[in-house]
Amino acid sequence: MINKKPTFRKLTPSFGSSILVKQHVDTVDKNGAYWHFHPELELIYINKGQGKTHIGNHLSYFNNSQLILIGSNLPHNGFTDRLTANGTETTVQFKSNFLGDDFLNVPEMANIVSLFERAKKGIRFKIETKQKIGPKIEKLLEHDGLKRVLKFLEILNFLATTDDYSLLNADGFAFETEPQDSAKIDVIFKYVNKNFQNHIALDEIADVVSMTVPAFCRYFKKATGKTFTELVNEYRVVHATKLLNESQMSIADVCFECGFNNFSHFNKQFNEITGKSASQYRKEIKLIIQ
């Protein structure tokens, strides 16, 4: 069995504050990211950067900037591979009842309560909202006390009333956030993240977590809602979108660089996971201004 502390993360706001606001401009060590959850909601704004977004069952690659709201106890990985020059990541962590249970019951909070409920699936806000709200999140650090709370409520109210967003786990999320399962899944994800460009046999990954292959397959499917092969293919396709974004490599070279050894299989998987061909994806990404 794996002897590892449960990956429940305890968050502590500074004295006299009900919300925790953090900001950093340093490169994030992607090896330090781990699968974790906490009862606090987490609002994250990255103004410049690239990396993998892994929240619940959702796995994707982002380029330049993003604004995400992660709901209470929704498992996620630290996701920034690196920040670009002058890039900043700002996070706001808070409990849904940070102003008290009674405050959630007032009629004026209905939209925000609905926002918190949607956030259980993970919310990615789109360009217009990102551009309007991102700077306001960054400025929260300039305020303290009641003024910070009031500014934050303004942000939540805007996010609660906009339809400029998409749900990251629209079909729900299968993973049960038991601490011991969370630790085991973290070990599996880290191994895949490190080795997805090579073939990973089922007996190899089962051995990593000290399980038989049949037991591992049952466990992984129940815990994540996916087969292990589906997860590995998603990692490879997400890496492919990264290379299509950032490099001039040919699509054939991207295929093999990501761990696929068959071009037609790569095309099929890419289409199934992204909804478009690799060539169409590359063509469209050039037209998008983040």
C-alpha atoms as a PDB file:
ATOM      1  CA  MET A   1       0.000   0.000   0.000  1.00  0.00           C
ATOM      2  CA  ILE A   2       1.073   3.579  -0.561  1.00  0.00           C
ATOM      3  CA  ASN A   3       2.094   5.388   2.600  1.00  0.00           C
ATOM      4  CA  LYS A   4       1.238   8.932   1.709  1.00  0.00           C
ATOM      5  CA  LYS A   5      -0.606  11.640   3.584  1.00  0.00           C
ATOM      6  CA  PRO A   6      -4.132  12.290   2.291  1.00  0.00           C
ATOM      7  CA  THR A   7      -4.157  15.168  -0.144  1.00  0.00           C
ATOM      8  CA  PHE A   8      -6.768  17.190   1.678  1.00  0.00           C
ATOM      9  CA  ARG A   9      -5.373  20.736   1.730  1.00  0.00           C
ATOM     10  CA  LYS A  10      -6.123  22.990   4.684  1.00  0.00           C
ATOM     11  CA  LEU A  11      -6.251  26.676   3.764  1.00  0.00           C
ATOM     12  CA  THR A  12      -5.895  29.420   6.354  1.00  0.00           C
ATOM     13  CA  PRO A  13      -6.753  33.054   5.582  1.00  0.00           C
ATOM     14  CA  SER A  14      -4.674  35.720   7.275  1.00  0.00           C
ATOM     15  CA  PHE A  15      -5.851  36.899  10.685  1.00  0.00           C
ATOM     16  CA  GLY A  16      -8.918  39.112  10.470  1.00  0.00           C
ATOM     17  CA  SER A  17      -9.823  38.022   6.929  1.00  0.00           C
ATOM     18  CA  SER A  18     -12.496  35.633   5.617  1.00  0.00           C
ATOM     19  CA  ILE A  19     -10.954  35.205   2.163  1.00  0.00           C
ATOM     20  CA  LEU A  20      -7.424  34.220   1.182  1.00  0.00           C
ATOM     21  CA  VAL A  21      -5.879  36.162  -1.722  1.00  0.00           C
ATOM     22  CA  LYS A  22      -2.500  35.110  -3.106  1.00  0.00           C
ATOM     23  CA  GLN A  23      -0.464  36.304  -6.048  1.00  0.00           C
ATOM     24  CA  HIS A  24       2.825  35.135  -7.514  1.00  0.00           C
ATOM     25  CA  VAL A  25       4.877  35.887 -10.587  1.00  0.00           C
ATOM     26  CA  ASP A  26       7.400  33.051 -10.297  1.00  0.00           C
ATOM     27  CA  THR A  27       7.526  30.058 -12.593  1.00  0.00           C
ATOM     28  CA  VAL A  28       5.458  27.254 -11.124  1.00  0.00           C
ATOM     29  CA  ASP A  29       7.175  23.887 -10.718  1.00  0.00           C
ATOM     30  CA  LYS A  30       4.841  21.513 -12.537  1.00  0.00           C
ATOM     31  CA  ASN A  31       6.397  18.584 -10.659  1.00  0.00           C
ATOM     32  CA  GLY A  32       5.146  20.174  -7.451  1.00  0.00           C
ATOM     33  CA  ALA A  33       1.540  20.050  -8.627  1.00  0.00           C
ATOM     34  CA  TYR A  34      -0.560  17.337  -7.054  1.00  0.00           C
ATOM     35  CA  TRP A  35      -4.126  16.059  -7.044  1.00  0.00           C
ATOM     36  CA  HIS A  36      -5.935  17.676  -4.152  1.00  0.00           C
ATOM     37  CA  PHE A  37      -9.208  19.117  -2.941  1.00  0.00           C
ATOM     38  CA  HIS A  38     -10.476  21.435  -0.213  1.00  0.00           C
ATOM     39  CA  PRO A  39     -13.867  22.690   0.998  1.00  0.00           C
ATOM     40  CA  GLU A  40     -13.007  26.244  -0.060  1.00  0.00           C
ATOM     41  CA  LEU A  41     -13.937  27.460  -3.537  1.00  0.00           C
ATOM     42  CA  GLU A  42     -11.011  28.746  -5.589  1.00  0.00           C
ATOM     43  CA  LEU A  43     -11.104  31.577  -8.127  1.00  0.00           C
ATOM     44  CA  ILE A  44      -7.967  31.620 -10.292  1.00  0.00           C
ATOM     45  CA  TYR A  45      -6.848  34.260 -12.770  1.00  0.00           C
ATOM     46  CA  ILE A  46      -3.684  33.868 -14.851  1.00  0.00           C
ATOM     47  CA  ASN A  47      -2.975  36.877 -17.030  1.00  0.00           C
ATOM     48  CA  LYS A  48      -0.138  35.274 -19.024  1.00  0.00           C
ATOM     49  CA  GLY A  49       0.992  31.668 -19.004  1.00  0.00           C
ATOM     50  CA  GLN A  50       0.624  28.209 -20.459  1.00  0.00           C
ATOM     51  CA  GLY A  51      -0.142  24.850 -18.932  1.00  0.00           C
ATOM     52  CA  LYS A  52      -2.484  21.922 -18.424  1.00  0.00           C
ATOM     53  CA  THR A  53      -5.864  22.383 -16.785  1.00  0.00           C
ATOM     54  CA  HIS A  54      -6.858  19.224 -14.888  1.00  0.00           C
ATOM     55  CA  ILE A  55     -10.058  19.707 -12.897  1.00  0.00           C
ATOM     56  CA  GLY A  56     -12.320  16.754 -12.144  1.00  0.00           C
ATOM     57  CA  ASN A  57     -12.568  14.719 -15.341  1.00  0.00           C
ATOM     58  CA  HIS A  58     -11.605  17.715 -17.480  1.00  0.00           C
ATOM     59  CA  LEU A  59      -8.154  17.811 -19.044  1.00  0.00           C
ATOM     60  CA  SER A  60      -7.046  20.496 -21.505  1.00  0.00           C
ATOM     61  CA  TYR A  61      -4.214  22.860 -22.413  1.00  0.00           C
ATOM     62  CA  PHE A  62      -4.452  26.629 -22.087  1.00  0.00           C
ATOM     63  CA  ASN A  63      -2.339  29.302 -23.711  1.00  0.00           C
ATOM     64  CA  ASN A  64      -1.857  32.897 -22.491  1.00  0.00           C
ATOM     65  CA  SER A  65      -4.551  33.491 -19.874  1.00  0.00           C
ATOM     66  CA  GLN A  66      -7.500  31.952 -18.087  1.00  0.00           C
ATOM     67  CA  LEU A  67     -10.116  32.615 -15.413  1.00  0.00           C
ATOM     68  CA  ILE A  68     -11.527  29.593 -13.586  1.00  0.00           C
ATOM     69  CA  LEU A  69     -13.777  28.983 -10.582  1.00  0.00           C
ATOM     70  CA  ILE A  70     -13.292  25.614  -8.865  1.00  0.00           C
ATOM     71  CA  GLY A  71     -16.083  24.478  -6.570  1.00  0.00           C
ATOM     72  CA  SER A  72     -15.938  23.086  -3.057  1.00  0.00           C
ATOM     73  CA  ASN A  73     -14.190  19.685  -2.817  1.00  0.00           C
ATOM     74  CA  LEU A  74     -13.744  19.428  -6.606  1.00  0.00           C
ATOM     75  CA  PRO A  75     -10.409  17.618  -7.088  1.00  0.00           C
ATOM     76  CA  HIS A  76      -7.838  19.378  -9.235  1.00  0.00           C
ATOM     77  CA  ASN A  77      -4.159  19.517 -10.044  1.00  0.00           C
ATOM     78  CA  GLY A  78      -1.972  22.576  -9.805  1.00  0.00           C
ATOM     79  CA  PHE A  79      -1.999  23.414 -13.488  1.00  0.00           C
ATOM     80  CA  THR A  80       0.446  26.137 -14.537  1.00  0.00           C
ATOM     81  CA  ASP A  81       3.475  24.764 -16.373  1.00  0.00           C
ATOM     82  CA  ARG A  82       5.046  28.190 -16.492  1.00  0.00           C
ATOM     83  CA  LEU A  83       4.225  31.878 -16.517  1.00  0.00           C
ATOM     84  CA  THR A  84       5.350  34.050 -19.402  1.00  0.00           C
ATOM     85  CA  ALA A  85       7.357  37.242 -18.954  1.00  0.00           C
ATOM     86  CA  ASN A  86       5.383  39.637 -16.761  1.00  0.00           C
ATOM     87  CA  GLY A  87       2.862  36.883 -16.099  1.00  0.00           C
ATOM     88  CA  THR A  88       0.908  36.822 -12.825  1.00  0.00           C
ATOM     89  CA  GLU A  89      -1.325  34.200 -11.201  1.00  0.00           C
ATOM     90  CA  THR A  90      -3.827  35.422  -8.625  1.00  0.00           C
ATOM     91  CA  THR A  91      -5.975  33.059  -6.566  1.00  0.00           C
ATOM     92  CA  VAL A  92      -8.845  33.787  -4.198  1.00  0.00           C
ATOM     93  CA  GLN A  93      -9.830  30.966  -1.845  1.00  0.00           C
ATOM     94  CA  PHE A  94     -12.967  31.218   0.281  1.00  0.00           C
ATOM     95  CA  LYS A  95     -15.735  29.170   1.836  1.00  0.00           C
ATOM     96  CA  SER A  96     -19.223  29.522   0.414  1.00  0.00           C
ATOM     97  CA  ASN A  97     -20.434  30.778   3.808  1.00  0.00           C
ATOM     98  CA  PHE A  98     -17.548  33.203   4.378  1.00  0.00           C
ATOM     99  CA  LEU A  99     -20.131  35.819   5.389  1.00  0.00           C
ATOM    100  CA  GLY A 100     -22.159  33.376   7.478  1.00  0.00           C
ATOM    101  CA  ASP A 101     -24.876  30.824   6.718  1.00  0.00           C
ATOM    102  CA  ASP A 102     -27.676  33.346   7.182  1.00  0.00           C
ATOM    103  CA  PHE A 103     -26.170  35.641   4.525  1.00  0.00           C
ATOM    104  CA  LEU A 104     -26.501  32.866   1.933  1.00  0.00           C
ATOM    105  CA  ASN A 105     -30.226  32.721   2.597  1.00  0.00           C
ATOM    106  CA  VAL A 106     -31.043  36.348   1.765  1.00  0.00           C
ATOM    107  CA  PRO A 107     -32.857  36.745  -1.600  1.00  0.00           C
ATOM    108  CA  GLU A 108     -30.150  39.008  -3.021  1.00  0.00           C
ATOM    109  CA  MET A 109     -27.625  36.139  -2.773  1.00  0.00           C
ATOM    110  CA  ALA A 110     -29.652  33.716  -4.914  1.00  0.00           C
ATOM    111  CA  ASN A 111     -27.554  34.226  -8.057  1.00  0.00           C
ATOM    112  CA  ILE A 112     -24.300  33.795  -6.158  1.00  0.00           C
ATOM    113  CA  VAL A 113     -25.596  30.632  -4.471  1.00  0.00           C
ATOM    114  CA  SER A 114     -26.391  29.287  -7.953  1.00  0.00           C
ATOM    115  CA  LEU A 115     -22.870  30.230  -9.078  1.00  0.00           C
ATOM    116  CA  PHE A 116     -21.381  28.220  -6.200  1.00  0.00           C
ATOM    117  CA  GLU A 117     -23.523  25.238  -7.217  1.00  0.00           C
ATOM    118  CA  ARG A 118     -22.360  25.432 -10.864  1.00  0.00           C
ATOM    119  CA  ALA A 119     -18.775  25.721  -9.663  1.00  0.00           C
ATOM    120  CA  LYS A 120     -18.961  22.121  -8.410  1.00  0.00           C
ATOM    121  CA  LYS A 121     -18.481  21.174 -12.067  1.00  0.00           C
ATOM    122  CA  GLY A 122     -15.694  23.727 -12.588  1.00  0.00           C
ATOM    123  CA  ILE A 123     -16.314  26.943 -14.577  1.00  0.00           C
ATOM    124  CA  ARG A 124     -14.053  28.489 -17.215  1.00  0.00           C
ATOM    125  CA  PHE A 125     -14.996  32.074 -18.067  1.00  0.00           C
ATOM    126  CA  LYS A 126     -14.519  33.257 -21.624  1.00  0.00           C
ATOM    127  CA  ILE A 127     -12.579  36.150 -23.109  1.00  0.00           C
ATOM    128  CA  GLU A 128     -14.978  39.063 -22.453  1.00  0.00           C
ATOM    129  CA  THR A 129     -15.454  38.188 -18.777  1.00  0.00           C
ATOM    130  CA  LYS A 130     -11.780  37.329 -18.369  1.00  0.00           C
ATOM    131  CA  GLN A 131     -10.723  40.746 -19.650  1.00  0.00           C
ATOM    132  CA  LYS A 132     -13.236  42.602 -17.478  1.00  0.00           C
ATOM    133  CA  ILE A 133     -12.888  40.675 -14.204  1.00  0.00           C
ATOM    134  CA  GLY A 134      -9.249  39.563 -14.283  1.00  0.00           C
ATOM    135  CA  PRO A 135      -7.809  43.014 -13.409  1.00  0.00           C
ATOM    136  CA  LYS A 136     -10.384  43.407 -10.619  1.00  0.00           C
ATOM    137  CA  ILE A 137      -9.195  40.134  -9.072  1.00  0.00           C
ATOM    138  CA  GLU A 138      -5.578  41.336  -9.224  1.00  0.00           C
ATOM    139  CA  LYS A 139      -6.539  44.571  -7.459  1.00  0.00           C
ATOM    140  CA  LEU A 140      -8.038  42.748  -4.470  1.00  0.00           C
ATOM    141  CA  LEU A 141      -4.567  42.720  -2.929  1.00  0.00           C
ATOM    142  CA  GLU A 142      -4.676  46.526  -2.821  1.00  0.00           C
ATOM    143  CA  HIS A 143      -7.626  46.401  -0.410  1.00  0.00           C
ATOM    144  CA  ASP A 144      -8.198  44.865   2.991  1.00  0.00           C
ATOM    145  CA  GLY A 145     -10.970  44.513   5.534  1.00  0.00           C
ATOM    146  CA  LEU A 146     -14.507  45.361   4.515  1.00  0.00           C
ATOM    147  CA  LYS A 147     -13.434  47.066   1.288  1.00  0.00           C
ATOM    148  CA  ARG A 148     -11.829  43.820   0.040  1.00  0.00           C
ATOM    149  CA  VAL A 149     -15.023  41.913   0.886  1.00  0.00           C
ATOM    150  CA  LEU A 150     -17.194  44.453  -0.947  1.00  0.00           C
ATOM    151  CA  LYS A 151     -14.946  44.406  -4.034  1.00  0.00           C
ATOM    152  CA  PHE A 152     -14.999  40.611  -3.991  1.00  0.00           C
ATOM    153  CA  LEU A 153     -18.808  40.550  -3.761  1.00  0.00           C
ATOM    154  CA  GLU A 154     -18.920  42.773  -6.851  1.00  0.00           C
ATOM    155  CA  ILE A 155     -16.753  40.233  -8.682  1.00  0.00           C
ATOM    156  CA  LEU A 156     -18.929  37.314  -7.566  1.00  0.00           C
ATOM    157  CA  ASN A 157     -22.093  39.159  -8.575  1.00  0.00           C
ATOM    158  CA  PHE A 158     -20.746  39.736 -12.083  1.00  0.00           C
ATOM    159  CA  LEU A 159     -19.642  36.107 -12.458  1.00  0.00           C
ATOM    160  CA  ALA A 160     -23.034  34.949 -11.149  1.00  0.00           C
ATOM    161  CA  THR A 161     -24.983  36.895 -13.768  1.00  0.00           C
ATOM    162  CA  THR A 162     -22.871  36.424 -16.910  1.00  0.00           C
ATOM    163  CA  ASP A 163     -23.481  33.639 -19.415  1.00  0.00           C
ATOM    164  CA  ASP A 164     -19.976  34.063 -20.848  1.00  0.00           C
ATOM    165  CA  TYR A 165     -18.635  30.754 -19.511  1.00  0.00           C
ATOM    166  CA  SER A 166     -18.434  27.004 -20.048  1.00  0.00           C
ATOM    167  CA  LEU A 167     -18.676  24.131 -17.556  1.00  0.00           C
ATOM    168  CA  LEU A 168     -15.585  21.924 -17.439  1.00  0.00           C
ATOM    169  CA  ASN A 169     -17.424  18.805 -16.216  1.00  0.00           C
ATOM    170  CA  ALA A 170     -20.826  19.312 -17.798  1.00  0.00           C
ATOM    171  CA  ASP A 171     -21.707  15.604 -17.506  1.00  0.00           C
ATOM    172  CA  GLY A 172     -20.813  15.468 -13.834  1.00  0.00           C
ATOM    173  CA  PHE A 173     -17.793  14.022 -12.110  1.00  0.00           C
ATOM    174  CA  ALA A 174     -17.320  10.402 -11.064  1.00  0.00           C
ATOM    175  CA  PHE A 175     -14.366  10.722  -8.713  1.00  0.00           C
ATOM    176  CA  GLU A 176     -15.200  10.233  -5.045  1.00  0.00           C
ATOM    177  CA  THR A 177     -12.935  12.450  -2.979  1.00  0.00           C
ATOM    178  CA  GLU A 178     -11.887   9.996  -0.306  1.00  0.00           C
ATOM    179  CA  PRO A 179      -8.482  11.097   1.015  1.00  0.00           C
ATOM    180  CA  GLN A 180      -6.840   7.689   0.532  1.00  0.00           C
ATOM    181  CA  ASP A 181      -8.173   7.465  -3.044  1.00  0.00           C
ATOM    182  CA  SER A 182      -7.015  10.995  -3.734  1.00  0.00           C
ATOM    183  CA  ALA A 183      -3.463  10.068  -2.724  1.00  0.00           C
ATOM    184  CA  LYS A 184      -3.467   6.961  -4.926  1.00  0.00           C
ATOM    185  CA  ILE A 185      -4.904   8.804  -7.929  1.00  0.00           C
ATOM    186  CA  ASP A 186      -2.249  11.483  -7.472  1.00  0.00           C
ATOM    187  CA  VAL A 187       0.488   8.837  -7.764  1.00  0.00           C
ATOM    188  CA  ILE A 188      -1.121   7.493 -10.958  1.00  0.00           C
ATOM    189  CA  PHE A 189      -1.515  10.939 -12.538  1.00  0.00           C
ATOM    190  CA  LYS A 190       2.077  11.881 -11.748  1.00  0.00           C
ATOM    191  CA  TYR A 191       3.342   8.648 -13.296  1.00  0.00           C
ATOM    192  CA  VAL A 192       1.284   9.223 -16.445  1.00  0.00           C
ATOM    193  CA  ASN A 193       2.392  12.852 -16.660  1.00  0.00           C
ATOM    194  CA  LYS A 194       6.024  11.734 -16.555  1.00  0.00           C
ATOM    195  CA  ASN A 195       5.737   8.715 -18.878  1.00  0.00           C
ATOM    196  CA  PHE A 196       2.838   9.293 -21.317  1.00  0.00           C
ATOM    197  CA  GLN A 197       5.206   9.705 -24.276  1.00  0.00           C
ATOM    198  CA  ASN A 198       6.166   6.051 -23.850  1.00  0.00           C
ATOM    199  CA  HIS A 199       4.035   2.925 -23.786  1.00  0.00           C
ATOM    200  CA  ILE A 200       2.647   2.294 -20.284  1.00  0.00           C
ATOM    201  CA  ALA A 201       1.555  -1.298 -19.826  1.00  0.00           C
ATOM    202  CA  LEU A 202      -1.307  -2.051 -17.446  1.00  0.00           C
ATOM    203  CA  ASP A 203       0.840  -4.356 -15.336  1.00  0.00           C
ATOM    204  CA  GLU A 204       3.417  -1.555 -15.070  1.00  0.00           C
ATOM    205  CA  ILE A 205       0.995   1.067 -13.743  1.00  0.00           C
ATOM    206  CA  ALA A 206      -0.821  -1.475 -11.544  1.00  0.00           C
ATOM    207  CA  ASP A 207       2.504  -2.353  -9.949  1.00  0.00           C
ATOM    208  CA  VAL A 208       3.156   1.333  -9.200  1.00  0.00           C
ATOM    209  CA  VAL A 209       0.160   1.352  -6.857  1.00  0.00           C
ATOM    210  CA  SER A 210       0.636  -2.253  -5.635  1.00  0.00           C
ATOM    211  CA  MET A 211      -2.508  -3.678  -7.257  1.00  0.00           C
ATOM    212  CA  THR A 212      -3.289  -6.544  -9.590  1.00  0.00           C
ATOM    213  CA  VAL A 213      -4.247  -5.538 -13.141  1.00  0.00           C
ATOM    214  CA  PRO A 214      -7.959  -6.515 -12.803  1.00  0.00           C
ATOM    215  CA  ALA A 215      -8.226  -4.733  -9.443  1.00  0.00           C
ATOM    216  CA  PHE A 216      -6.482  -1.651 -10.846  1.00  0.00           C
ATOM    217  CA  CYS A 217      -8.784  -1.491 -13.892  1.00  0.00           C
ATOM    218  CA  ARG A 218     -11.917  -1.748 -11.727  1.00  0.00           C
ATOM    219  CA  TYR A 219     -10.605   0.813  -9.255  1.00  0.00           C
ATOM    220  CA  PHE A 220      -9.514   3.334 -11.880  1.00  0.00           C
ATOM    221  CA  LYS A 221     -12.768   3.151 -13.833  1.00  0.00           C
ATOM    222  CA  LYS A 222     -14.829   3.590 -10.659  1.00  0.00           C
ATOM    223  CA  ALA A 223     -12.648   6.434  -9.365  1.00  0.00           C
ATOM    224  CA  THR A 224     -12.364   8.496 -12.551  1.00  0.00           C
ATOM    225  CA  GLY A 225     -15.145   7.329 -14.867  1.00  0.00           C
ATOM    226  CA  LYS A 226     -12.517   6.507 -17.516  1.00  0.00           C
ATOM    227  CA  THR A 227     -10.349   3.581 -18.489  1.00  0.00           C
ATOM    228  CA  PHE A 228      -6.612   3.989 -17.986  1.00  0.00           C
ATOM    229  CA  THR A 229      -6.069   3.913 -21.754  1.00  0.00           C
ATOM    230  CA  GLU A 230      -8.557   6.771 -22.199  1.00  0.00           C
ATOM    231  CA  LEU A 231      -6.670   8.871 -19.648  1.00  0.00           C
ATOM    232  CA  VAL A 232      -3.284   8.247 -21.312  1.00  0.00           C
ATOM    233  CA  ASN A 233      -4.730   9.161 -24.710  1.00  0.00           C
ATOM    234  CA  GLU A 234      -6.124  12.388 -23.233  1.00  0.00           C
ATOM    235  CA  TYR A 235      -2.722  13.303 -21.822  1.00  0.00           C
ATOM    236  CA  ARG A 236      -1.172  12.675 -25.243  1.00  0.00           C
ATOM    237  CA  VAL A 237      -3.784  14.739 -27.090  1.00  0.00           C
ATOM    238  CA  VAL A 238      -3.476  17.607 -24.596  1.00  0.00           C
ATOM    239  CA  HIS A 239       0.295  17.550 -25.146  1.00  0.00           C
ATOM    240  CA  ALA A 240      -0.385  17.571 -28.891  1.00  0.00           C
ATOM    241  CA  THR A 241      -2.506  20.736 -28.555  1.00  0.00           C
ATOM    242  CA  LYS A 242       0.387  22.314 -26.652  1.00  0.00           C
ATOM    243  CA  LEU A 243       2.836  21.470 -29.455  1.00  0.00           C
ATOM    244  CA  LEU A 244       0.395  22.635 -32.131  1.00  0.00           C
ATOM    245  CA  ASN A 245       0.117  25.933 -30.234  1.00  0.00           C
ATOM    246  CA  GLU A 246       3.766  26.540 -29.495  1.00  0.00           C
ATOM    247  CA  SER A 247       5.881  24.797 -32.134  1.00  0.00           C
ATOM    248  CA  GLN A 248       6.251  24.617 -35.887  1.00  0.00           C
ATOM    249  CA  MET A 249       6.525  20.824 -35.833  1.00  0.00           C
ATOM    250  CA  SER A 250       4.670  18.945 -38.564  1.00  0.00           C
ATOM    251  CA  ILE A 251       1.507  17.190 -37.438  1.00  0.00           C
ATOM    252  CA  ALA A 252       3.161  13.821 -38.112  1.00  0.00           C
ATOM    253  CA  ASP A 253       6.070  14.767 -35.840  1.00  0.00           C
ATOM    254  CA  VAL A 254       3.614  15.974 -33.182  1.00  0.00           C
ATOM    255  CA  CYS A 255       1.887  12.586 -33.348  1.00  0.00           C
ATOM    256  CA  PHE A 256       5.027  10.617 -32.543  1.00  0.00           C
ATOM    257  CA  GLU A 257       6.357  13.179 -30.056  1.00  0.00           C
ATOM    258  CA  CYS A 258       3.190  12.696 -27.990  1.00  0.00           C
ATOM    259  CA  GLY A 259       3.587   8.939 -27.716  1.00  0.00           C
ATOM    260  CA  PHE A 260       1.296   7.740 -30.509  1.00  0.00           C
ATOM    261  CA  ASN A 261       2.953   5.232 -32.837  1.00  0.00           C
ATOM    262  CA  ASN A 262       0.212   5.230 -35.455  1.00  0.00           C
ATOM    263  CA  PHE A 263      -0.805   8.379 -37.339  1.00  0.00           C
ATOM    264  CA  SER A 264      -4.367   7.272 -38.117  1.00  0.00           C
ATOM    265  CA  HIS A 265      -4.905   6.334 -34.469  1.00  0.00           C
ATOM    266  CA  PHE A 266      -3.593   9.767 -33.445  1.00  0.00           C
ATOM    267  CA  ASN A 267      -6.016  11.492 -35.824  1.00  0.00           C
ATOM    268  CA  LYS A 268      -8.929   9.428 -34.521  1.00  0.00           C
ATOM    269  CA  GLN A 269      -8.120  10.134 -30.863  1.00  0.00           C
ATOM    270  CA  PHE A 270      -7.490  13.834 -31.489  1.00  0.00           C
ATOM    271  CA  ASN A 271     -10.843  14.175 -33.245  1.00  0.00           C
ATOM    272  CA  GLU A 272     -12.731  12.271 -30.555  1.00  0.00           C
ATOM    273  CA  ILE A 273     -11.240  14.317 -27.704  1.00  0.00           C
ATOM    274  CA  THR A 274     -11.188  17.813 -29.245  1.00  0.00           C
ATOM    275  CA  GLY A 275     -14.016  17.502 -31.773  1.00  0.00           C
ATOM    276  CA  LYS A 276     -11.785  18.501 -34.691  1.00  0.00           C
ATOM    277  CA  SER A 277      -8.776  17.320 -36.659  1.00  0.00           C
ATOM    278  CA  ALA A 278      -5.250  18.352 -35.685  1.00  0.00           C
ATOM    279  CA  SER A 279      -4.878  20.404 -38.880  1.00  0.00           C
ATOM    280  CA  GLN A 280      -8.197  22.173 -38.231  1.00  0.00           C
ATOM    281  CA  TYR A 281      -7.160  22.827 -34.623  1.00  0.00           C
ATOM    282  CA  ARG A 282      -3.865  24.392 -35.677  1.00  0.00           C
ATOM    283  CA  LYS A 283      -5.608  26.530 -38.282  1.00  0.00           C
ATOM    284  CA  GLU A 284      -8.212  27.807 -35.816  1.00  0.00           C
ATOM    285  CA  ILE A 285      -5.768  28.504 -32.991  1.00  0.00           C
ATOM    286  CA  LYS A 286      -3.890  30.957 -35.201  1.00  0.00           C
ATOM    287  CA  LEU A 287      -7.104  32.983 -35.548  1.00  0.00           C
ATOM    288  CA  ILE A 288      -7.849  33.171 -31.841  1.00  0.00           C
ATOM    289  CA  ILE A 289      -6.702  36.200 -29.904  1.00  0.00           C
ATOM    290  CA  GLN A 290      -6.693  35.267 -26.225  1.00  0.00           C
END
